[in-house]
C-alpha atoms as a PDB file:
ATOM      1  CA  MET A   1     -17.482 -39.834  -3.322  1.00  0.00           C
ATOM      2  CA  SER A   2     -14.610 -41.549  -1.576  1.00  0.00           C
ATOM      3  CA  SER A   3     -11.318 -39.677  -1.486  1.00  0.00           C
ATOM      4  CA  ALA A   4      -9.305 -42.925  -1.662  1.00  0.00           C
ATOM      5  CA  ARG A   5      -7.428 -43.529  -4.897  1.00  0.00           C
ATOM      6  CA  ALA A   6      -7.559 -46.828  -6.771  1.00  0.00           C
ATOM      7  CA  PRO A   7      -4.271 -48.775  -6.656  1.00  0.00           C
ATOM      8  CA  HIS A   8      -3.562 -48.175 -10.348  1.00  0.00           C
ATOM      9  CA  SER A   9      -4.872 -44.605 -10.698  1.00  0.00           C
ATOM     10  CA  ASP A  10      -2.799 -42.049 -12.550  1.00  0.00           C
ATOM     11  CA  PRO A  11      -0.245 -40.234 -10.399  1.00  0.00           C
ATOM     12  CA  VAL A  12      -1.148 -36.807  -9.051  1.00  0.00           C
ATOM     13  CA  PRO A  13       0.467 -34.127 -11.256  1.00  0.00           C
ATOM     14  CA  ALA A  14       3.370 -32.238  -9.814  1.00  0.00           C
ATOM     15  CA  ARG A  15       2.577 -28.828  -8.382  1.00  0.00           C
ATOM     16  CA  GLY A  16       3.954 -26.941 -11.372  1.00  0.00           C
ATOM     17  CA  GLU A  17       1.910 -29.079 -13.751  1.00  0.00           C
ATOM     18  CA  ARG A  18      -1.256 -28.463 -11.721  1.00  0.00           C
ATOM     19  CA  GLU A  19      -0.628 -24.712 -11.759  1.00  0.00           C
ATOM     20  CA  ARG A  20      -0.101 -24.721 -15.515  1.00  0.00           C
ATOM     21  CA  SER A  21      -3.298 -26.727 -15.957  1.00  0.00           C
ATOM     22  CA  VAL A  22      -5.308 -24.311 -13.817  1.00  0.00           C
ATOM     23  CA  ALA A  23      -3.806 -21.339 -15.639  1.00  0.00           C
ATOM     24  CA  GLY A  24      -4.794 -22.888 -18.950  1.00  0.00           C
ATOM     25  CA  GLU A  25      -8.364 -23.375 -17.764  1.00  0.00           C
ATOM     26  CA  ARG A  26      -8.516 -19.776 -16.546  1.00  0.00           C
ATOM     27  CA  SER A  27      -7.163 -18.195 -19.696  1.00  0.00           C
ATOM     28  CA  SER A  28      -8.758 -20.405 -22.345  1.00  0.00           C
ATOM     29  CA  ASN A  29     -12.092 -18.582 -22.278  1.00  0.00           C
ATOM     30  CA  ALA A  30     -11.102 -15.279 -20.655  1.00  0.00           C
ATOM     31  CA  LEU A  31     -11.412 -11.869 -22.250  1.00  0.00           C
ATOM     32  CA  LEU A  32      -9.280 -10.312 -19.485  1.00  0.00           C
ATOM     33  CA  ASP A  33      -6.875 -12.528 -17.532  1.00  0.00           C
ATOM     34  CA  ILE A  34      -4.724 -10.989 -14.801  1.00  0.00           C
ATOM     35  CA  ALA A  35      -2.181 -13.002 -12.820  1.00  0.00           C
ATOM     36  CA  THR A  36      -0.045 -11.982  -9.819  1.00  0.00           C
ATOM     37  CA  LEU A  37      -0.293  -8.258 -10.502  1.00  0.00           C
ATOM     38  CA  ASP A  38       1.675  -5.818  -8.338  1.00  0.00           C
ATOM     39  CA  ALA A  39       1.298  -2.059  -8.748  1.00  0.00           C
ATOM     40  CA  GLY A  40       1.530   1.180  -6.834  1.00  0.00           C
ATOM     41  CA  TYR A  41       2.874   4.700  -6.845  1.00  0.00           C
ATOM     42  CA  GLY A  42       6.607   5.200  -6.604  1.00  0.00           C
ATOM     43  CA  GLU A  43       7.865   3.341  -3.558  1.00  0.00           C
ATOM     44  CA  MET A  44       4.338   2.731  -2.244  1.00  0.00           C
ATOM     45  CA  GLN A  45       3.052  -0.692  -3.288  1.00  0.00           C
ATOM     46  CA  VAL A  46      -0.755  -0.884  -3.396  1.00  0.00           C
ATOM     47  CA  LEU A  47      -1.596  -4.114  -5.244  1.00  0.00           C
ATOM     48  CA  ARG A  48      -0.080  -7.416  -4.151  1.00  0.00           C
ATOM     49  CA  GLY A  49      -0.431 -10.508  -6.290  1.00  0.00           C
ATOM     50  CA  VAL A  50      -3.858  -9.682  -7.719  1.00  0.00           C
ATOM     51  CA  SER A  51      -5.311 -12.336 -10.037  1.00  0.00           C
ATOM     52  CA  LEU A  52      -8.712 -12.258 -11.695  1.00  0.00           C
ATOM     53  CA  VAL A  53     -10.567 -13.336 -14.817  1.00  0.00           C
ATOM     54  CA  VAL A  54     -13.315 -11.590 -16.785  1.00  0.00           C
ATOM     55  CA  ARG A  55     -15.051 -13.696 -19.417  1.00  0.00           C
ATOM     56  CA  PRO A  56     -16.923 -12.416 -22.486  1.00  0.00           C
ATOM     57  CA  ALA A  57     -20.419 -10.996 -21.903  1.00  0.00           C
ATOM     58  CA  GLU A  58     -20.069 -11.019 -18.101  1.00  0.00           C
ATOM     59  CA  ILE A  59     -20.593  -8.304 -15.560  1.00  0.00           C
ATOM     60  CA  VAL A  60     -17.860  -8.811 -12.967  1.00  0.00           C
ATOM     61  CA  ALA A  61     -17.895  -6.747  -9.775  1.00  0.00           C
ATOM     62  CA  MET A  62     -14.742  -5.697  -7.958  1.00  0.00           C
ATOM     63  CA  VAL A  63     -15.903  -4.518  -4.539  1.00  0.00           C
ATOM     64  CA  GLY A  64     -14.250  -3.254  -1.412  1.00  0.00           C
ATOM     65  CA  GLY A  65     -13.960  -0.260   0.833  1.00  0.00           C
ATOM     66  CA  ASN A  66     -12.365   3.084   0.133  1.00  0.00           C
ATOM     67  CA  GLY A  67      -8.591   2.714  -0.168  1.00  0.00           C
ATOM     68  CA  ALA A  68      -8.708  -1.012  -0.949  1.00  0.00           C
ATOM     69  CA  GLY A  69      -6.827  -0.535  -4.224  1.00  0.00           C
ATOM     70  CA  LYS A  70      -9.690  -0.873  -6.701  1.00  0.00           C
ATOM     71  CA  THR A  71      -8.967   2.302  -8.655  1.00  0.00           C
ATOM     72  CA  THR A  72      -5.258   1.463  -8.680  1.00  0.00           C
ATOM     73  CA  LEU A  73      -6.170  -1.846 -10.317  1.00  0.00           C
ATOM     74  CA  LEU A  74      -8.059  -0.078 -13.112  1.00  0.00           C
ATOM     75  CA  ARG A  75      -5.199   2.348 -13.636  1.00  0.00           C
ATOM     76  CA  ALA A  76      -2.777  -0.554 -13.926  1.00  0.00           C
ATOM     77  CA  ILE A  77      -5.027  -2.318 -16.437  1.00  0.00           C
ATOM     78  CA  SER A  78      -5.379   0.894 -18.445  1.00  0.00           C
ATOM     79  CA  ARG A  79      -1.557   1.268 -18.392  1.00  0.00           C
ATOM     80  CA  LEU A  80      -1.775   4.616 -16.634  1.00  0.00           C
ATOM     81  CA  ILE A  81       0.642   3.400 -13.958  1.00  0.00           C
ATOM     82  CA  PRO A  82       3.420   0.772 -14.164  1.00  0.00           C
ATOM     83  CA  SER A  83       2.826  -2.731 -12.876  1.00  0.00           C
ATOM     84  CA  ARG A  84       4.452  -6.143 -12.554  1.00  0.00           C
ATOM     85  CA  GLY A  85       2.699  -9.379 -13.402  1.00  0.00           C
ATOM     86  CA  THR A  86       0.718 -10.657 -16.363  1.00  0.00           C
ATOM     87  CA  ILE A  87      -2.247  -9.003 -18.077  1.00  0.00           C
ATOM     88  CA  ARG A  88      -3.720 -10.737 -21.110  1.00  0.00           C
ATOM     89  CA  PHE A  89      -6.607  -9.468 -23.214  1.00  0.00           C
ATOM     90  CA  ASP A  90      -8.394 -11.848 -25.575  1.00  0.00           C
ATOM     91  CA  GLY A  91      -5.550 -14.344 -25.201  1.00  0.00           C
ATOM     92  CA  ARG A  92      -2.759 -11.887 -26.008  1.00  0.00           C
ATOM     93  CA  PRO A  93      -0.477  -9.760 -23.838  1.00  0.00           C
ATOM     94  CA  LEU A  94      -2.154  -6.431 -23.165  1.00  0.00           C
ATOM     95  CA  PRO A  95      -0.421  -3.526 -24.958  1.00  0.00           C
ATOM     96  CA  THR A  96       1.883  -1.457 -22.799  1.00  0.00           C
ATOM     97  CA  THR A  97       0.571   2.056 -23.567  1.00  0.00           C
ATOM     98  CA  ALA A  98      -2.763   3.586 -22.624  1.00  0.00           C
ATOM     99  CA  ASP A  99      -3.557   4.592 -26.207  1.00  0.00           C
ATOM    100  CA  ASP A 100      -2.951   1.073 -27.485  1.00  0.00           C
ATOM    101  CA  VAL A 101      -5.069  -0.409 -24.687  1.00  0.00           C
ATOM    102  CA  PHE A 102      -7.920   1.855 -25.791  1.00  0.00           C
ATOM    103  CA  ALA A 103      -7.355   0.794 -29.402  1.00  0.00           C
ATOM    104  CA  VAL A 104      -7.856  -2.926 -28.654  1.00  0.00           C
ATOM    105  CA  GLY A 105     -11.249  -2.210 -27.106  1.00  0.00           C
ATOM    106  CA  LEU A 106     -10.621  -1.808 -23.373  1.00  0.00           C
ATOM    107  CA  VAL A 107     -12.192   1.455 -22.203  1.00  0.00           C
ATOM    108  CA  GLN A 108     -12.512   2.974 -18.743  1.00  0.00           C
ATOM    109  CA  VAL A 109     -15.246   5.169 -17.278  1.00  0.00           C
ATOM    110  CA  PRO A 110     -13.175   6.943 -14.617  1.00  0.00           C
ATOM    111  CA  GLU A 111     -14.189   7.845 -11.096  1.00  0.00           C
ATOM    112  CA  GLY A 112     -15.615  11.351 -11.076  1.00  0.00           C
ATOM    113  CA  ARG A 113     -16.656  11.081 -14.752  1.00  0.00           C
ATOM    114  CA  GLN A 114     -13.888  13.435 -15.995  1.00  0.00           C
ATOM    115  CA  LEU A 115     -15.977  14.933 -18.775  1.00  0.00           C
ATOM    116  CA  PHE A 116     -14.921  17.892 -20.889  1.00  0.00           C
ATOM    117  CA  ASP A 117     -16.983  20.369 -18.887  1.00  0.00           C
ATOM    118  CA  ARG A 118     -16.875  23.221 -21.419  1.00  0.00           C
ATOM    119  CA  MET A 119     -17.920  20.999 -24.295  1.00  0.00           C
ATOM    120  CA  SER A 120     -21.473  19.983 -25.108  1.00  0.00           C
ATOM    121  CA  VAL A 121     -22.877  16.550 -24.381  1.00  0.00           C
ATOM    122  CA  GLU A 122     -22.682  15.587 -28.034  1.00  0.00           C
ATOM    123  CA  GLU A 123     -19.113  16.836 -28.337  1.00  0.00           C
ATOM    124  CA  ASN A 124     -18.194  14.672 -25.352  1.00  0.00           C
ATOM    125  CA  LEU A 125     -19.818  11.650 -26.957  1.00  0.00           C
ATOM    126  CA  ARG A 126     -17.959  12.269 -30.206  1.00  0.00           C
ATOM    127  CA  MET A 127     -14.698  12.368 -28.252  1.00  0.00           C
ATOM    128  CA  GLY A 128     -15.347   8.748 -27.342  1.00  0.00           C
ATOM    129  CA  ALA A 129     -15.223   7.910 -31.045  1.00  0.00           C
ATOM    130  CA  TYR A 130     -12.133   9.956 -31.805  1.00  0.00           C
ATOM    131  CA  ARG A 131     -10.222   6.963 -33.185  1.00  0.00           C
ATOM    132  CA  ARG A 132     -13.036   5.865 -35.457  1.00  0.00           C
ATOM    133  CA  ARG A 133     -13.326   6.864 -39.112  1.00  0.00           C
ATOM    134  CA  ASP A 134     -16.749   5.381 -39.906  1.00  0.00           C
ATOM    135  CA  ALA A 135     -18.747   8.635 -39.925  1.00  0.00           C
ATOM    136  CA  SER A 136     -22.106   7.100 -40.810  1.00  0.00           C
ATOM    137  CA  GLU A 137     -21.818   4.459 -38.105  1.00  0.00           C
ATOM    138  CA  ILE A 138     -20.725   7.086 -35.569  1.00  0.00           C
ATOM    139  CA  ALA A 139     -23.930   8.985 -36.337  1.00  0.00           C
ATOM    140  CA  GLY A 140     -25.893   5.782 -35.845  1.00  0.00           C
ATOM    141  CA  ASP A 141     -24.183   5.140 -32.514  1.00  0.00           C
ATOM    142  CA  LEU A 142     -25.012   8.671 -31.375  1.00  0.00           C
ATOM    143  CA  ASP A 143     -28.676   7.955 -32.016  1.00  0.00           C
ATOM    144  CA  ARG A 144     -28.286   4.678 -30.157  1.00  0.00           C
ATOM    145  CA  MET A 145     -26.773   6.449 -27.124  1.00  0.00           C
ATOM    146  CA  TYR A 146     -29.677   8.892 -27.096  1.00  0.00           C
ATOM    147  CA  GLY A 147     -32.010   5.914 -27.167  1.00  0.00           C
ATOM    148  CA  ILE A 148     -30.228   4.290 -24.203  1.00  0.00           C
ATOM    149  CA  PHE A 149     -29.984   7.586 -22.305  1.00  0.00           C
ATOM    150  CA  PRO A 150     -33.009   9.733 -23.309  1.00  0.00           C
ATOM    151  CA  ARG A 151     -31.978  12.517 -20.920  1.00  0.00           C
ATOM    152  CA  LEU A 152     -28.835  13.048 -22.975  1.00  0.00           C
ATOM    153  CA  ALA A 153     -30.931  13.516 -26.112  1.00  0.00           C
ATOM    154  CA  ASP A 154     -32.717  16.422 -24.423  1.00  0.00           C
ATOM    155  CA  ARG A 155     -29.366  17.945 -23.408  1.00  0.00           C
ATOM    156  CA  ARG A 156     -27.205  17.213 -26.429  1.00  0.00           C
ATOM    157  CA  ARG A 157     -26.323  20.917 -26.881  1.00  0.00           C
ATOM    158  CA  GLN A 158     -25.922  21.616 -23.165  1.00  0.00           C
ATOM    159  CA  LEU A 159     -22.473  22.027 -21.619  1.00  0.00           C
ATOM    160  CA  ALA A 160     -21.610  18.762 -19.900  1.00  0.00           C
ATOM    161  CA  GLY A 161     -20.343  20.519 -16.780  1.00  0.00           C
ATOM    162  CA  SER A 162     -23.729  22.136 -16.168  1.00  0.00           C
ATOM    163  CA  MET A 163     -25.636  18.851 -15.847  1.00  0.00           C
ATOM    164  CA  SER A 164     -26.502  16.954 -12.676  1.00  0.00           C
ATOM    165  CA  GLY A 165     -24.186  14.269 -11.358  1.00  0.00           C
ATOM    166  CA  GLY A 166     -26.427  11.487 -12.619  1.00  0.00           C
ATOM    167  CA  GLU A 167     -26.623  13.005 -16.087  1.00  0.00           C
ATOM    168  CA  GLN A 168     -22.864  13.409 -16.155  1.00  0.00           C
ATOM    169  CA  GLN A 169     -22.451   9.728 -15.280  1.00  0.00           C
ATOM    170  CA  MET A 170     -24.780   8.827 -18.153  1.00  0.00           C
ATOM    171  CA  CYS A 171     -22.682  10.997 -20.447  1.00  0.00           C
ATOM    172  CA  ALA A 172     -19.445   9.363 -19.276  1.00  0.00           C
ATOM    173  CA  MET A 173     -20.840   5.886 -19.901  1.00  0.00           C
ATOM    174  CA  ALA A 174     -22.220   6.893 -23.305  1.00  0.00           C
ATOM    175  CA  ARG A 175     -18.861   8.431 -24.255  1.00  0.00           C
ATOM    176  CA  ALA A 176     -17.137   5.144 -23.409  1.00  0.00           C
ATOM    177  CA  LEU A 177     -19.684   3.165 -25.435  1.00  0.00           C
ATOM    178  CA  MET A 178     -19.068   5.395 -28.450  1.00  0.00           C
ATOM    179  CA  ALA A 179     -15.650   3.741 -28.671  1.00  0.00           C
ATOM    180  CA  ARG A 180     -17.416   0.393 -29.242  1.00  0.00           C
ATOM    181  CA  PRO A 181     -15.500  -1.266 -26.397  1.00  0.00           C
ATOM    182  CA  ARG A 182     -15.190  -4.995 -25.926  1.00  0.00           C
ATOM    183  CA  LEU A 183     -14.645  -4.450 -22.200  1.00  0.00           C
ATOM    184  CA  MET A 184     -15.885  -1.396 -20.329  1.00  0.00           C
ATOM    185  CA  MET A 185     -14.413  -0.771 -16.878  1.00  0.00           C
ATOM    186  CA  VAL A 186     -16.597   1.460 -14.684  1.00  0.00           C
ATOM    187  CA  ASP A 187     -15.031   3.053 -11.605  1.00  0.00           C
ATOM    188  CA  GLU A 188     -17.340   3.982  -8.675  1.00  0.00           C
ATOM    189  CA  MET A 189     -20.416   4.551 -10.832  1.00  0.00           C
ATOM    190  CA  SER A 190     -22.743   5.148  -7.864  1.00  0.00           C
ATOM    191  CA  LEU A 191     -20.553   7.673  -6.033  1.00  0.00           C
ATOM    192  CA  GLY A 192     -22.634  10.659  -4.922  1.00  0.00           C
ATOM    193  CA  LEU A 193     -25.730   9.647  -6.878  1.00  0.00           C
ATOM    194  CA  ALA A 194     -29.313   9.198  -5.682  1.00  0.00           C
ATOM    195  CA  PRO A 195     -30.467   5.571  -5.402  1.00  0.00           C
ATOM    196  CA  VAL A 196     -33.046   6.013  -8.171  1.00  0.00           C
ATOM    197  CA  ILE A 197     -30.303   7.119 -10.571  1.00  0.00           C
ATOM    198  CA  VAL A 198     -28.052   4.250  -9.500  1.00  0.00           C
ATOM    199  CA  ASP A 199     -30.866   1.787 -10.219  1.00  0.00           C
ATOM    200  CA  LEU A 200     -31.355   3.317 -13.670  1.00  0.00           C
ATOM    201  CA  LEU A 201     -27.644   3.030 -14.460  1.00  0.00           C
ATOM    202  CA  LEU A 202     -27.556  -0.572 -13.260  1.00  0.00           C
ATOM    203  CA  GLU A 203     -30.478  -1.420 -15.534  1.00  0.00           C
ATOM    204  CA  THR A 204     -28.611   0.233 -18.384  1.00  0.00           C
ATOM    205  CA  MET A 205     -25.540  -1.857 -17.594  1.00  0.00           C
ATOM    206  CA  THR A 206     -27.503  -5.090 -17.932  1.00  0.00           C
ATOM    207  CA  ARG A 207     -28.798  -3.868 -21.289  1.00  0.00           C
ATOM    208  CA  ILE A 208     -25.270  -3.089 -22.436  1.00  0.00           C
ATOM    209  CA  ARG A 209     -24.133  -6.561 -21.412  1.00  0.00           C
ATOM    210  CA  ALA A 210     -27.032  -8.112 -23.334  1.00  0.00           C
ATOM    211  CA  GLU A 211     -25.741  -6.307 -26.421  1.00  0.00           C
ATOM    212  CA  GLY A 212     -22.348  -7.977 -26.043  1.00  0.00           C
ATOM    213  CA  VAL A 213     -20.270  -5.501 -24.017  1.00  0.00           C
ATOM    214  CA  THR A 214     -18.371  -7.080 -21.132  1.00  0.00           C
ATOM    215  CA  VAL A 215     -18.273  -4.992 -17.924  1.00  0.00           C
ATOM    216  CA  LEU A 216     -15.844  -4.807 -15.002  1.00  0.00           C
ATOM    217  CA  LEU A 217     -17.658  -2.774 -12.347  1.00  0.00           C
ATOM    218  CA  VAL A 218     -15.585  -1.354  -9.492  1.00  0.00           C
ATOM    219  CA  GLU A 219     -17.780  -0.262  -6.584  1.00  0.00           C
ATOM    220  CA  GLN A 220     -17.867   0.629  -2.912  1.00  0.00           C
ATOM    221  CA  ASP A 221     -21.626  -0.002  -2.990  1.00  0.00           C
ATOM    222  CA  VAL A 222     -21.334  -3.758  -2.684  1.00  0.00           C
ATOM    223  CA  HIS A 223     -25.078  -4.438  -2.757  1.00  0.00           C
ATOM    224  CA  ALA A 224     -25.576  -2.420  -5.954  1.00  0.00           C
ATOM    225  CA  ALA A 225     -22.641  -4.058  -7.713  1.00  0.00           C
ATOM    226  CA  LEU A 226     -23.579  -7.615  -6.784  1.00  0.00           C
ATOM    227  CA  SER A 227     -27.219  -7.051  -7.728  1.00  0.00           C
ATOM    228  CA  VAL A 228     -26.293  -6.995 -11.436  1.00  0.00           C
ATOM    229  CA  ALA A 229     -23.025  -8.943 -11.509  1.00  0.00           C
ATOM    230  CA  ASP A 230     -22.504 -12.542 -12.581  1.00  0.00           C
ATOM    231  CA  ARG A 231     -19.383 -12.949 -10.460  1.00  0.00           C
ATOM    232  CA  GLY A 232     -17.404 -10.832  -8.071  1.00  0.00           C
ATOM    233  CA  TYR A 233     -14.139 -10.282  -6.252  1.00  0.00           C
ATOM    234  CA  VAL A 234     -13.614  -8.618  -2.867  1.00  0.00           C
ATOM    235  CA  MET A 235     -10.459  -6.536  -2.447  1.00  0.00           C
ATOM    236  CA  GLU A 236      -8.924  -5.455   0.841  1.00  0.00           C
ATOM    237  CA  THR A 237      -5.616  -3.599   1.237  1.00  0.00           C
ATOM    238  CA  GLY A 238      -4.535  -4.418  -2.295  1.00  0.00           C
ATOM    239  CA  GLU A 239      -5.301  -8.140  -2.243  1.00  0.00           C
ATOM    240  CA  ILE A 240      -8.198 -10.304  -3.389  1.00  0.00           C
ATOM    241  CA  VAL A 241      -9.685 -11.885  -0.253  1.00  0.00           C
ATOM    242  CA  ARG A 242     -12.917 -13.371  -1.647  1.00  0.00           C
ATOM    243  CA  GLU A 243     -14.208 -14.408  -5.054  1.00  0.00           C
ATOM    244  CA  GLY A 244     -17.223 -16.270  -6.371  1.00  0.00           C
ATOM    245  CA  THR A 245     -20.629 -15.876  -7.927  1.00  0.00           C
ATOM    246  CA  ALA A 246     -22.469 -12.701  -7.061  1.00  0.00           C
ATOM    247  CA  ARG A 247     -25.157 -14.662  -5.204  1.00  0.00           C
ATOM    248  CA  GLY A 248     -22.504 -16.615  -3.346  1.00  0.00           C
ATOM    249  CA  LEU A 249     -20.748 -13.455  -2.198  1.00  0.00           C
ATOM    250  CA  GLU A 250     -24.035 -11.864  -1.136  1.00  0.00           C
ATOM    251  CA  SER A 251     -24.712 -14.847   1.117  1.00  0.00           C
ATOM    252  CA  ASP A 252     -21.133 -15.085   2.449  1.00  0.00           C
ATOM    253  CA  PRO A 253     -21.281 -14.251   6.187  1.00  0.00           C
ATOM    254  CA  GLU A 254     -17.948 -12.412   6.095  1.00  0.00           C
ATOM    255  CA  VAL A 255     -19.057 -10.237   3.167  1.00  0.00           C
ATOM    256  CA  GLN A 256     -22.375  -9.572   4.882  1.00  0.00           C
ATOM    257  CA  ARG A 257     -20.704  -8.490   8.103  1.00  0.00           C
ATOM    258  CA  ALA A 258     -18.081  -6.325   6.423  1.00  0.00           C
ATOM    259  CA  TYR A 259     -20.060  -4.718   3.604  1.00  0.00           C
ATOM    260  CA  LEU A 260     -23.775  -5.541   3.687  1.00  0.00           C
ATOM    261  CA  GLY A 261     -24.508  -5.310   7.396  1.00  0.00           C
ATOM    262  CA  ASP A 262     -24.864  -8.340   9.642  1.00  0.00           C
ATOM    263  CA  VAL A 263     -28.238  -9.604   8.468  1.00  0.00           C
ATOM    264  CA  THR A 264     -28.183 -12.467  10.963  1.00  0.00           C
ATOM    265  CA  GLY A 265     -28.910 -10.157  13.877  1.00  0.00           C
ATOM    266  CA  GLY A 266     -26.007 -11.569  15.886  1.00  0.00           C
ATOM    267  CA  ASP A 267     -23.781  -9.555  18.200  1.00  0.00           C
END
């Protein structure tokens, strides 16, 4: 298509109008819409102008190396640390307290699982439903979690802290799902786990998405994250440096060299 404009074509919108138009397109069908987010710890700024969109029923991967700022992003979204910028959830400003964020259906599976070690598996799962008052449906969701994670059914009376790392990660994910989240944010799911367990958890994540739960997956294991994601973002030193479809990022030469190994065999 020629780039030349017809003599009587409409004028090009001013920059501000174009930005508003793009913003409208981004937010119109977004479940989570973040624009120009800055965050950090005290005087140390970690995130710089981060913008991203997560749409309903997507798995979106946020990948990058250790120290890139990925966990800081999740803490800012969860309102565990202060931030500047815009965060909208389902078209509305995200609440400003962590408890209210949880209440609107945005739940985080934290790095390191952070289970209640001296409580049983089932007690941990029930803690995920602590805001709910529908006792019969909670019981039904417990059965559903044991169906998704059969190992947890065998260990429902076992202390959570005595399980293997993979079983603890299953418990942490099941606890989050007991809250019936609209968006589940998972921080470094694969950390310290055997590949066979990671594959099992990734399969579970696709099942969860098929049931209507949107997922934001934060991972150092770029290959694992992109293998199940619809779209992805690459973060380096607190900034988004790449974004696109998961397949597009996997084939991006810069992403391959930095995170997947240089598959071209070049020097």
